[in-house]
Each structure stands twice: as structure tokens, then as C-alpha cells.
């Protein structure tokens, strides 16, 4: 699961989802961070990240829960 941006600010969708699972009674066993490589839109976003002064979100999370 990856995060996103809204109006220039990071929206931590992954951590919001993780919190909802924890509130539902799941225990967080592991967090695996996957780095994104060779994304099709990387060139477009790299250009815009420089133009509009933001960092690329180049990773996703895999949460492992235990119930």
C-alpha cells in the first residue's frame, strides 16, 4: 500500500489503514517497505517534483498482521 499527496501534502494512507486494523484487534507483526523501481510515470513525476518542490513517494508498505 502506498501513500499519496493531496494539495501538496502527504496523505499517509498506509498508516491510516494500519491504524484501522489495529483498532479492529489485529496486532502488527512486521512492516515491509518496498522501494519502487522503474515506474512508468517516474520521468513525469521526477520533472514535476523539481518544478513544484516535492519529494517523490518511491516506496510502498506491506503490513503483516496477527489476529
N, C-alpha and C. Protein backbone atom coordinates (compact mmCIF):
# COMPACT_ATOMS: atom_id res chain seq x y z
N UNK A 1 0.85 -1.16 0.00
CA UNK A 1 0.00 0.00 0.00
C UNK A 1 0.89 1.22 0.00
N UNK A 2 0.57 2.18 -0.82
CA UNK A 2 1.37 3.39 -0.91
C UNK A 2 0.63 4.61 -0.38
N UNK A 3 1.39 5.64 -0.10
CA UNK A 3 0.82 6.91 0.34
C UNK A 3 0.56 7.77 -0.89
N UNK A 4 -0.08 8.91 -0.69
CA UNK A 4 -0.38 9.80 -1.81
C UNK A 4 -0.23 11.24 -1.33
N UNK A 5 -0.48 12.17 -2.21
CA UNK A 5 -0.46 13.60 -1.86
C UNK A 5 -1.81 14.22 -2.20
N UNK A 6 -2.17 15.19 -1.38
CA UNK A 6 -3.40 15.96 -1.62
C UNK A 6 -3.08 17.41 -1.32
N UNK A 7 -3.23 18.27 -2.32
CA UNK A 7 -2.91 19.70 -2.19
C UNK A 7 -1.49 19.90 -1.68
N UNK A 8 -0.56 19.07 -2.19
CA UNK A 8 0.85 19.21 -1.86
C UNK A 8 1.28 18.60 -0.54
N UNK A 9 0.36 18.02 0.20
CA UNK A 9 0.69 17.43 1.50
C UNK A 9 0.54 15.91 1.43
N UNK A 10 1.43 15.21 2.11
CA UNK A 10 1.40 13.74 2.11
C UNK A 10 0.18 13.25 2.88
N UNK A 11 -0.54 12.31 2.28
CA UNK A 11 -1.66 11.65 2.94
C UNK A 11 -1.20 10.23 3.26
N UNK A 12 -0.96 9.90 4.53
CA UNK A 12 -0.39 8.60 4.89
C UNK A 12 -1.43 7.49 4.87
N UNK A 13 -1.91 7.14 3.68
CA UNK A 13 -2.96 6.13 3.56
C UNK A 13 -2.55 4.80 4.19
N UNK A 14 -1.29 4.44 4.01
CA UNK A 14 -0.83 3.16 4.55
C UNK A 14 -0.93 3.15 6.07
N UNK A 15 -0.49 4.21 6.72
CA UNK A 15 -0.52 4.23 8.18
C UNK A 15 -1.94 4.43 8.72
N UNK A 16 -2.78 5.14 7.98
CA UNK A 16 -4.19 5.24 8.37
C UNK A 16 -4.84 3.86 8.34
N UNK A 17 -4.55 3.09 7.30
CA UNK A 17 -5.10 1.74 7.18
C UNK A 17 -4.55 0.84 8.27
N UNK A 18 -3.25 0.94 8.55
CA UNK A 18 -2.63 0.15 9.61
C UNK A 18 -3.33 0.42 10.95
N UNK A 19 -3.60 1.68 11.24
CA UNK A 19 -4.26 2.05 12.49
C UNK A 19 -5.67 1.45 12.56
N UNK A 20 -6.39 1.45 11.45
CA UNK A 20 -7.74 0.87 11.45
C UNK A 20 -7.69 -0.62 11.75
N UNK A 21 -6.72 -1.33 11.20
CA UNK A 21 -6.57 -2.75 11.50
C UNK A 21 -6.24 -2.97 12.98
N UNK A 22 -5.38 -2.14 13.53
CA UNK A 22 -5.02 -2.27 14.94
C UNK A 22 -6.23 -2.00 15.83
N UNK A 23 -7.04 -1.02 15.49
CA UNK A 23 -8.25 -0.73 16.27
C UNK A 23 -9.27 -1.87 16.17
N UNK A 24 -9.19 -2.65 15.09
CA UNK A 24 -10.09 -3.79 14.91
C UNK A 24 -9.57 -5.05 15.60
N UNK A 25 -8.43 -4.93 16.31
CA UNK A 25 -7.94 -6.05 17.11
C UNK A 25 -6.76 -6.81 16.53
N UNK A 26 -6.25 -6.37 15.39
CA UNK A 26 -5.08 -7.03 14.81
C UNK A 26 -3.81 -6.49 15.46
N UNK A 27 -2.81 -7.34 15.59
CA UNK A 27 -1.50 -6.94 16.09
C UNK A 27 -0.54 -6.84 14.92
N UNK A 28 0.24 -5.78 14.90
CA UNK A 28 1.20 -5.57 13.82
C UNK A 28 2.45 -6.38 14.09
N UNK A 29 2.72 -7.35 13.22
CA UNK A 29 3.87 -8.23 13.38
C UNK A 29 5.09 -7.70 12.65
N UNK A 30 4.92 -7.19 11.42
CA UNK A 30 6.03 -6.71 10.61
C UNK A 30 5.57 -5.56 9.72
N UNK A 31 6.52 -4.69 9.38
CA UNK A 31 6.32 -3.68 8.32
C UNK A 31 7.42 -3.92 7.29
N UNK A 32 7.02 -4.20 6.07
CA UNK A 32 7.97 -4.41 4.98
C UNK A 32 7.85 -3.19 4.06
N UNK A 33 8.97 -2.57 3.77
CA UNK A 33 8.97 -1.40 2.90
C UNK A 33 9.56 -1.80 1.56
N UNK A 34 8.78 -1.62 0.51
CA UNK A 34 9.19 -1.99 -0.84
C UNK A 34 9.52 -0.72 -1.62
N UNK A 35 10.75 -0.64 -2.09
CA UNK A 35 11.16 0.51 -2.89
C UNK A 35 10.66 0.32 -4.32
N UNK A 36 10.14 1.38 -4.90
CA UNK A 36 9.64 1.34 -6.27
C UNK A 36 10.80 1.56 -7.25
N UNK A 37 10.92 0.71 -8.23
CA UNK A 37 11.94 0.85 -9.26
C UNK A 37 11.28 0.87 -10.63
N UNK A 38 11.81 1.65 -11.53
CA UNK A 38 11.41 1.64 -12.95
C UNK A 38 9.91 1.81 -13.16
N UNK A 39 9.31 2.73 -12.44
CA UNK A 39 7.88 3.00 -12.63
C UNK A 39 7.69 3.73 -13.97
N UNK A 40 6.60 3.44 -14.62
CA UNK A 40 6.34 4.02 -15.94
C UNK A 40 6.22 5.54 -15.86
N UNK A 41 5.67 6.08 -14.78
CA UNK A 41 5.45 7.52 -14.67
C UNK A 41 6.60 8.26 -13.97
N UNK A 42 7.69 7.58 -13.68
CA UNK A 42 8.78 8.20 -12.91
C UNK A 42 9.31 9.46 -13.58
N UNK A 43 9.53 9.43 -14.90
CA UNK A 43 10.05 10.60 -15.60
C UNK A 43 9.16 11.82 -15.43
N UNK A 44 7.85 11.62 -15.60
CA UNK A 44 6.87 12.70 -15.44
C UNK A 44 6.92 13.26 -14.03
N UNK A 45 6.89 12.38 -13.03
CA UNK A 45 6.86 12.85 -11.64
C UNK A 45 8.18 13.43 -11.19
N UNK A 46 9.28 12.92 -11.70
CA UNK A 46 10.58 13.48 -11.34
C UNK A 46 10.68 14.93 -11.82
N UNK A 47 10.25 15.16 -13.05
CA UNK A 47 10.25 16.53 -13.60
C UNK A 47 9.37 17.45 -12.76
N UNK A 48 8.17 16.99 -12.43
CA UNK A 48 7.25 17.83 -11.65
C UNK A 48 7.69 17.99 -10.21
N UNK A 49 8.39 17.00 -9.65
CA UNK A 49 8.86 17.14 -8.26
C UNK A 49 9.88 18.26 -8.16
N UNK A 50 10.69 18.42 -9.19
CA UNK A 50 11.66 19.52 -9.20
C UNK A 50 10.93 20.85 -9.42
N UNK A 51 10.02 20.85 -10.37
CA UNK A 51 9.29 22.08 -10.71
C UNK A 51 8.45 22.59 -9.54
N UNK A 52 7.77 21.67 -8.82
CA UNK A 52 6.85 22.08 -7.75
C UNK A 52 7.39 21.82 -6.34
N UNK A 53 8.68 21.46 -6.24
CA UNK A 53 9.37 21.33 -4.97
C UNK A 53 8.72 20.31 -4.02
N UNK A 54 8.68 19.04 -4.43
CA UNK A 54 8.25 17.97 -3.53
C UNK A 54 9.08 16.73 -3.80
N UNK A 55 9.16 15.86 -2.80
CA UNK A 55 9.91 14.62 -2.93
C UNK A 55 9.01 13.53 -3.50
N UNK A 56 9.60 12.63 -4.26
CA UNK A 56 8.84 11.50 -4.79
C UNK A 56 8.53 10.51 -3.69
N UNK A 57 7.35 9.94 -3.72
CA UNK A 57 6.98 8.83 -2.84
C UNK A 57 7.35 7.56 -3.59
N UNK A 58 8.52 7.05 -3.32
CA UNK A 58 9.06 5.96 -4.12
C UNK A 58 9.10 4.65 -3.35
N UNK A 59 8.09 4.43 -2.51
CA UNK A 59 8.04 3.19 -1.74
C UNK A 59 6.58 2.84 -1.43
N UNK A 60 6.38 1.60 -1.08
CA UNK A 60 5.08 1.11 -0.63
C UNK A 60 5.29 0.28 0.61
N UNK A 61 4.23 0.04 1.35
CA UNK A 61 4.31 -0.73 2.59
C UNK A 61 3.53 -2.03 2.44
N UNK A 62 4.03 -3.05 3.09
CA UNK A 62 3.31 -4.31 3.25
C UNK A 62 3.26 -4.58 4.75
N UNK A 63 2.08 -4.55 5.32
CA UNK A 63 1.90 -4.79 6.75
C UNK A 63 1.53 -6.24 6.96
N UNK A 64 2.15 -6.86 7.94
CA UNK A 64 1.84 -8.24 8.30
C UNK A 64 1.21 -8.19 9.69
N UNK A 65 -0.04 -8.63 9.75
CA UNK A 65 -0.80 -8.60 11.00
C UNK A 65 -1.00 -9.99 11.57
N UNK A 66 -1.30 -10.03 12.84
CA UNK A 66 -1.64 -11.28 13.53
C UNK A 66 -2.93 -11.02 14.30
N UNK A 67 -3.84 -11.96 14.23
CA UNK A 67 -5.11 -11.79 14.96
C UNK A 67 -5.23 -12.86 16.01
